[in-house]
Amino acid sequence: MAVVLDINGLKNGERPRHPEKAHRPDSAIARKPDWIRVKAPVSPGYFATQKIMRENGLITVCEEAGCPNIGECWEKKHATFMIMGDTCTRACAFCNVKTGLPGALDASEPEHVGVATAKLGLAHIVVTSVDRDDLADGGAAHFAATIRAIRAHCPQTTIEVLTPDFLRKEGALEIVVAAKPDVFNHNLETVPSHYLTVRPGSKLADPHKASRVRFSVMLAG
């Protein structure tokens, strides 16, 4: 389909416009507010946090998910640790973490998380992970070891764990709860009727079992 451009009356250097727009004024481009603009992370605080992560060989959701707020959070020494590697055994369409066959667990990782927590001076720490369906307990014991290591280095720090669903891993939830995190968290994301649409490839956790876990954590606290 041919488009006929009217070039009559154009000034030097002026580009012809599409016929549907030729006789209409340009729409003003709204300036984005300052709060929505993300600056490249270059602060000393950001690099100090990055150094601690690198020295301890740690992985963060901040980096793996490409979070635009990483500069602001790391400047304040806020970070969410992602344990058990950077490779997930699942391929959820909504997630940015790479999928594949993960390597063996790093037995020193819980200790490194504890050390990093102390160096960052965190009052509250969030620990999440990839899915590890290749492990007999889904990584529950590794979560528990991480909680204990943080307690040893920073007894005053409150600990929040954001775990996988431990699909078909009997006893896994109980292992994590027994380590007494301050907050046991698991994403449900949406209501059951929309779950498969919003989170294809995932399974909605049993709400009755989830309720028992929350109750157990309250008792542990």
Protein backbone atom coordinates (compact mmCIF):
# COMPACT_ATOMS: atom_id res chain seq x y z
CA MET A 1 0.00 0.00 0.00
CA ALA A 2 1.47 3.33 -1.11
CA VAL A 3 1.45 6.37 1.19
CA VAL A 4 1.42 9.77 -0.52
CA LEU A 5 3.33 12.47 1.36
CA ASP A 6 2.63 16.16 0.82
CA ILE A 7 6.02 17.90 0.69
CA ASN A 8 4.73 21.28 -0.48
CA GLY A 9 5.47 24.08 1.93
CA LEU A 10 8.11 22.18 3.90
CA LYS A 11 10.90 24.30 5.32
CA ASN A 12 14.57 23.39 5.01
CA GLY A 13 15.37 20.34 7.12
CA GLU A 14 11.71 19.71 7.97
CA ARG A 15 10.60 16.11 7.52
CA PRO A 16 7.33 15.23 5.77
CA ARG A 17 4.57 13.92 8.03
CA HIS A 18 2.11 11.11 7.54
CA PRO A 19 -1.08 12.36 5.77
CA GLU A 20 -3.20 11.63 8.86
CA LYS A 21 -0.96 13.91 10.94
CA ALA A 22 0.10 16.47 8.36
CA HIS A 23 -2.45 19.09 9.40
CA ARG A 24 -2.60 18.38 13.11
CA PRO A 25 -0.27 19.79 15.78
CA ASP A 26 2.18 17.49 17.52
CA SER A 27 1.03 16.08 20.82
CA ALA A 28 3.03 17.44 23.69
CA ILE A 29 5.33 14.87 25.29
CA ALA A 30 4.67 14.83 29.02
CA ARG A 31 7.78 15.05 31.15
CA LYS A 32 8.22 12.11 33.48
CA PRO A 33 8.25 12.99 37.18
CA ASP A 34 11.61 12.89 38.92
CA TRP A 35 10.57 10.04 41.20
CA ILE A 36 10.09 7.68 38.26
CA ARG A 37 13.56 8.31 36.87
CA VAL A 38 16.13 5.70 37.89
CA LYS A 39 19.76 6.78 38.04
CA ALA A 40 22.65 4.45 37.36
CA PRO A 41 24.02 3.12 40.69
CA VAL A 42 27.34 4.87 41.29
CA SER A 43 27.28 5.75 44.98
CA PRO A 44 29.97 4.62 47.45
CA GLY A 45 27.29 2.83 49.47
CA TYR A 46 26.20 0.81 46.43
CA PHE A 47 29.74 -0.30 45.66
CA ALA A 48 30.38 -1.14 49.32
CA THR A 49 27.36 -3.47 49.32
CA GLN A 50 28.41 -4.95 45.99
CA LYS A 51 31.88 -5.66 47.37
CA ILE A 52 30.45 -7.54 50.35
CA MET A 53 28.29 -9.65 48.02
CA ARG A 54 31.23 -10.47 45.75
CA GLU A 55 33.64 -11.27 48.58
CA ASN A 56 31.18 -13.79 49.97
CA GLY A 57 30.12 -15.19 46.59
CA LEU A 58 26.47 -14.36 47.23
CA ILE A 59 23.56 -14.01 44.82
CA THR A 60 20.77 -11.48 45.23
CA VAL A 61 17.30 -11.17 43.78
CA CYS A 62 18.16 -7.52 43.24
CA GLU A 63 20.57 -8.49 40.46
CA GLU A 64 18.95 -11.65 39.13
CA ALA A 65 15.56 -9.97 38.68
CA GLY A 66 17.11 -6.81 37.22
CA CYS A 67 15.44 -4.62 39.85
CA PRO A 68 15.58 -0.92 38.88
CA ASN A 69 15.76 0.12 42.55
CA ILE A 70 19.03 -1.67 43.26
CA GLY A 71 21.01 1.57 43.50
CA GLU A 72 18.69 3.05 46.11
CA CYS A 73 18.44 -0.14 48.18
CA TRP A 74 22.13 -1.05 48.11
CA GLU A 75 23.04 2.51 49.06
CA LYS A 76 21.01 1.90 52.24
CA LYS A 77 22.53 -1.59 52.65
CA HIS A 78 19.23 -3.30 51.87
CA ALA A 79 19.32 -6.52 49.84
CA THR A 80 17.38 -9.74 49.37
CA PHE A 81 19.60 -12.82 49.36
CA MET A 82 18.87 -15.66 46.95
CA ILE A 83 20.37 -18.93 48.15
CA MET A 84 20.98 -22.31 46.51
CA GLY A 85 22.43 -20.94 43.29
CA ASP A 86 21.28 -18.85 40.35
CA THR A 87 19.68 -21.66 38.32
CA CYS A 88 16.09 -22.78 38.89
CA THR A 89 14.69 -26.22 38.09
CA ARG A 90 11.46 -24.66 36.83
CA ALA A 91 10.69 -22.45 33.85
CA CYS A 92 7.90 -20.17 35.04
CA ALA A 93 6.90 -17.69 32.33
CA PHE A 94 6.70 -14.78 34.78
CA CYS A 95 10.23 -15.17 36.19
CA ASN A 96 13.55 -13.75 35.00
CA VAL A 97 15.80 -16.30 36.75
CA LYS A 98 17.54 -18.74 34.39
CA THR A 99 16.38 -22.35 34.16
CA GLY A 100 18.44 -25.51 33.98
CA LEU A 101 20.09 -28.23 36.02
CA PRO A 102 21.65 -26.55 39.08
CA GLY A 103 24.99 -27.51 40.53
CA ALA A 104 25.60 -28.92 43.99
CA LEU A 105 24.74 -26.78 47.00
CA ASP A 106 27.53 -24.64 48.43
CA ALA A 107 27.89 -25.89 52.00
CA SER A 108 29.62 -22.64 53.00
CA GLU A 109 26.81 -20.42 51.71
CA PRO A 110 24.82 -20.23 54.99
CA GLU A 111 27.95 -19.03 56.81
CA HIS A 112 28.65 -16.46 54.09
CA VAL A 113 25.10 -15.11 54.37
CA GLY A 114 25.60 -14.76 58.13
CA VAL A 115 28.89 -12.91 57.65
CA ALA A 116 27.41 -10.59 55.02
CA THR A 117 24.43 -9.83 57.25
CA ALA A 118 26.79 -8.76 60.02
CA LYS A 119 28.93 -6.61 57.69
CA LEU A 120 25.86 -4.89 56.26
CA GLY A 121 24.48 -4.30 59.76
CA LEU A 122 21.02 -5.47 58.74
CA ALA A 123 18.16 -5.07 61.19
CA HIS A 124 15.99 -7.33 59.01
CA ILE A 125 16.99 -9.80 56.33
CA VAL A 126 14.95 -11.50 53.60
CA VAL A 127 16.22 -14.84 52.29
CA THR A 128 14.65 -16.41 49.21
CA SER A 129 15.83 -19.01 46.71
CA VAL A 130 15.44 -20.68 43.37
CA ASP A 131 13.33 -23.85 43.18
CA ARG A 132 15.45 -26.95 43.77
CA ASP A 133 13.23 -29.87 42.78
CA ASP A 134 16.43 -31.91 42.29
CA LEU A 135 17.00 -32.03 46.06
CA ALA A 136 15.27 -34.58 48.28
CA ASP A 137 14.03 -31.87 50.66
CA GLY A 138 13.80 -29.06 48.10
CA GLY A 139 16.57 -27.22 49.97
CA ALA A 140 14.71 -26.99 53.30
CA ALA A 141 17.77 -28.02 55.33
CA HIS A 142 19.84 -25.37 53.53
CA PHE A 143 17.28 -22.72 54.50
CA ALA A 144 17.43 -23.93 58.10
CA ALA A 145 21.24 -23.83 58.11
CA THR A 146 21.13 -20.26 56.74
CA ILE A 147 18.74 -19.17 59.48
CA ARG A 148 21.00 -20.66 62.15
CA ALA A 149 24.09 -18.99 60.66
CA ILE A 150 22.41 -15.57 60.65
CA ARG A 151 21.33 -16.07 64.26
CA ALA A 152 24.90 -16.94 65.25
CA HIS A 153 26.37 -13.80 63.64
CA CYS A 154 23.48 -11.38 64.21
CA PRO A 155 21.15 -12.49 67.01
CA GLN A 156 19.39 -9.12 66.91
CA THR A 157 18.50 -9.36 63.20
CA THR A 158 14.96 -10.47 62.36
CA ILE A 159 14.83 -13.12 59.64
CA GLU A 160 12.22 -13.46 56.90
CA VAL A 161 12.31 -16.47 54.57
CA LEU A 162 10.49 -16.53 51.24
CA THR A 163 10.52 -20.20 50.32
CA PRO A 164 9.59 -22.27 47.27
CA ASP A 165 6.42 -24.36 47.51
CA PHE A 166 8.45 -27.52 48.28
CA LEU A 167 6.22 -29.45 45.89
CA ARG A 168 6.04 -33.16 46.82
CA LYS A 169 8.73 -32.70 49.52
CA GLU A 170 7.15 -34.16 52.64
CA GLY A 171 8.45 -32.67 55.86
CA ALA A 172 10.27 -29.77 54.15
CA LEU A 173 8.08 -27.04 55.63
CA GLU A 174 8.53 -28.46 59.11
CA ILE A 175 12.34 -28.35 58.72
CA VAL A 176 12.28 -24.62 57.95
CA VAL A 177 9.75 -23.82 60.67
CA ALA A 178 11.82 -25.71 63.26
CA ALA A 179 14.70 -23.26 62.58
CA LYS A 180 12.38 -20.48 63.87
CA PRO A 181 12.47 -17.70 61.27
CA ASP A 182 10.67 -14.56 62.43
CA VAL A 183 8.57 -14.49 59.26
CA PHE A 184 7.70 -17.46 57.05
CA ASN A 185 6.65 -16.08 53.67
CA HIS A 186 5.44 -17.71 50.47
CA ASN A 187 4.03 -15.94 47.42
CA LEU A 188 0.51 -16.86 46.37
CA GLU A 189 0.28 -13.85 44.00
CA THR A 190 -3.45 -14.08 43.24
CA VAL A 191 -6.76 -15.81 44.01
CA PRO A 192 -7.24 -19.50 43.06
CA SER A 193 -9.57 -18.76 40.12
CA HIS A 194 -6.86 -16.72 38.34
CA TYR A 195 -3.80 -18.64 39.48
CA LEU A 196 -3.07 -20.69 36.36
CA THR A 197 -3.50 -17.59 34.17
CA VAL A 198 -1.23 -15.36 36.25
CA ARG A 199 1.33 -18.03 37.19
CA PRO A 200 1.35 -20.69 34.45
CA GLY A 201 3.37 -23.72 35.42
CA SER A 202 2.90 -23.13 39.14
CA LYS A 203 0.65 -24.74 41.70
CA LEU A 204 -1.39 -22.97 44.35
CA ALA A 205 -0.23 -23.98 47.83
CA ASP A 206 -2.64 -25.85 50.08
CA PRO A 207 -4.20 -23.01 52.15
CA HIS A 208 -4.83 -25.33 55.10
CA LYS A 209 -1.18 -26.42 55.23
CA ALA A 210 -0.05 -22.78 54.81
CA SER A 211 -2.24 -21.78 57.75
CA ARG A 212 -0.66 -24.44 59.93
CA VAL A 213 2.82 -23.20 58.99
CA ARG A 214 1.98 -19.60 59.89
CA PHE A 215 0.57 -20.79 63.22
CA SER A 216 3.73 -22.83 63.90
CA VAL A 217 5.93 -19.77 63.28
CA MET A 218 3.84 -17.72 65.69
CA LEU A 219 4.30 -20.38 68.33
CA ALA A 220 8.05 -20.54 67.65
CA GLY A 221 8.33 -16.78 68.14
